[in-house]
Amino acid sequence: MASLQFIIDSICANFTVDAMYELVKVRLKEGPVPLGEIARDVRCKDRTLDFDSSKQLAEAALEALAQRGDVIIDGDCVSLPG
């Protein structure tokens, strides 16, 4: 998968990498959620995005956060560790 920064640059979203990570972490503090809900939250923050773009951004952010150990992805469900 392409890096989060590349995807942000490619679709001209109104996000930075850090802002995307923060959006995901804040959402996950409420508890585990499916990927689709995170994609919806991304789209709510930037109404210029279509669903596929917001999903692609969410997936890239989650993948990067999972590699760092900041989130756990189990199928379609995402949660914070611990």
Protein backbone atom coordinates (compact mmCIF):
# COMPACT_ATOMS: atom_id res chain seq x y z
CA MET A 1 0.00 0.00 0.00
CA ALA A 2 1.17 3.55 -0.68
CA SER A 3 2.32 5.67 2.23
CA LEU A 4 -0.17 7.87 3.99
CA GLN A 5 1.74 11.00 2.99
CA PHE A 6 1.66 9.98 -0.68
CA ILE A 7 -2.09 9.37 -0.54
CA ILE A 8 -2.72 12.69 1.20
CA ASP A 9 -0.62 14.49 -1.40
CA SER A 10 -2.29 12.63 -4.28
CA ILE A 11 -5.89 13.44 -3.41
CA CYS A 12 -5.24 16.90 -1.95
CA ALA A 13 -7.09 16.15 1.26
CA ASN A 14 -7.20 18.79 3.98
CA PHE A 15 -5.13 16.61 6.30
CA THR A 16 -1.60 16.19 7.54
CA VAL A 17 -0.26 12.80 8.54
CA ASP A 18 -0.30 13.82 12.21
CA ALA A 19 -3.89 15.09 11.94
CA MET A 20 -4.95 11.78 10.40
CA TYR A 21 -3.27 9.78 13.17
CA GLU A 22 -4.90 11.97 15.81
CA LEU A 23 -8.36 11.56 14.21
CA VAL A 24 -7.97 7.78 14.33
CA LYS A 25 -6.66 7.68 17.90
CA VAL A 26 -9.40 9.98 19.21
CA ARG A 27 -12.06 7.83 17.53
CA LEU A 28 -10.59 4.61 18.94
CA LYS A 29 -10.62 5.97 22.49
CA GLU A 30 -14.39 5.38 22.29
CA GLY A 31 -13.73 1.67 21.72
CA PRO A 32 -13.15 -0.75 18.85
CA VAL A 33 -14.72 0.24 15.54
CA PRO A 34 -14.93 -1.16 12.02
CA LEU A 35 -12.77 0.40 9.31
CA GLY A 36 -15.87 1.83 7.62
CA GLU A 37 -16.63 4.04 10.62
CA ILE A 38 -13.13 5.51 10.57
CA ALA A 39 -13.46 6.15 6.84
CA ARG A 40 -16.78 7.91 7.55
CA ASP A 41 -15.09 10.08 10.20
CA VAL A 42 -12.39 11.02 7.68
CA ARG A 43 -15.04 12.00 5.16
CA CYS A 44 -16.89 14.07 7.76
CA LYS A 45 -13.70 16.04 8.41
CA ASP A 46 -13.14 16.68 4.69
CA ARG A 47 -16.38 16.76 2.69
CA THR A 48 -14.43 17.05 -0.58
CA LEU A 49 -13.49 13.37 -0.30
CA ASP A 50 -15.52 10.59 -1.83
CA PHE A 51 -16.00 7.32 0.05
CA ASP A 52 -13.19 5.47 -1.74
CA SER A 53 -10.69 8.25 -1.01
CA SER A 54 -11.66 8.45 2.65
CA LYS A 55 -11.40 4.66 2.92
CA GLN A 56 -7.97 4.70 1.30
CA LEU A 57 -6.78 7.37 3.75
CA ALA A 58 -8.19 5.46 6.73
CA GLU A 59 -6.58 2.20 5.59
CA ALA A 60 -3.17 3.84 5.10
CA ALA A 61 -3.32 5.54 8.50
CA LEU A 62 -4.38 2.34 10.23
CA GLU A 63 -1.68 0.33 8.51
CA ALA A 64 1.01 2.80 9.60
CA LEU A 65 -0.35 2.95 13.15
CA ALA A 66 -0.51 -0.86 13.32
CA GLN A 67 3.12 -1.13 12.20
CA ARG A 68 4.08 1.23 15.03
CA GLY A 69 2.04 -0.81 17.52
CA ASP A 70 -0.40 2.05 18.18
CA VAL A 71 -3.50 0.14 17.00
CA ILE A 72 -4.57 -3.46 16.56
CA ILE A 73 -6.36 -4.55 13.40
CA ASP A 74 -8.39 -7.76 13.66
CA GLY A 75 -10.19 -8.38 10.40
CA ASP A 76 -12.33 -5.30 9.82
CA CYS A 77 -12.25 -4.22 13.48
CA VAL A 78 -9.69 -1.75 14.81
CA SER A 79 -8.85 -1.04 18.43
CA LEU A 80 -6.21 0.45 20.68
CA PRO A 81 -3.80 -2.00 22.32
CA GLY A 82 -4.39 -3.06 25.89
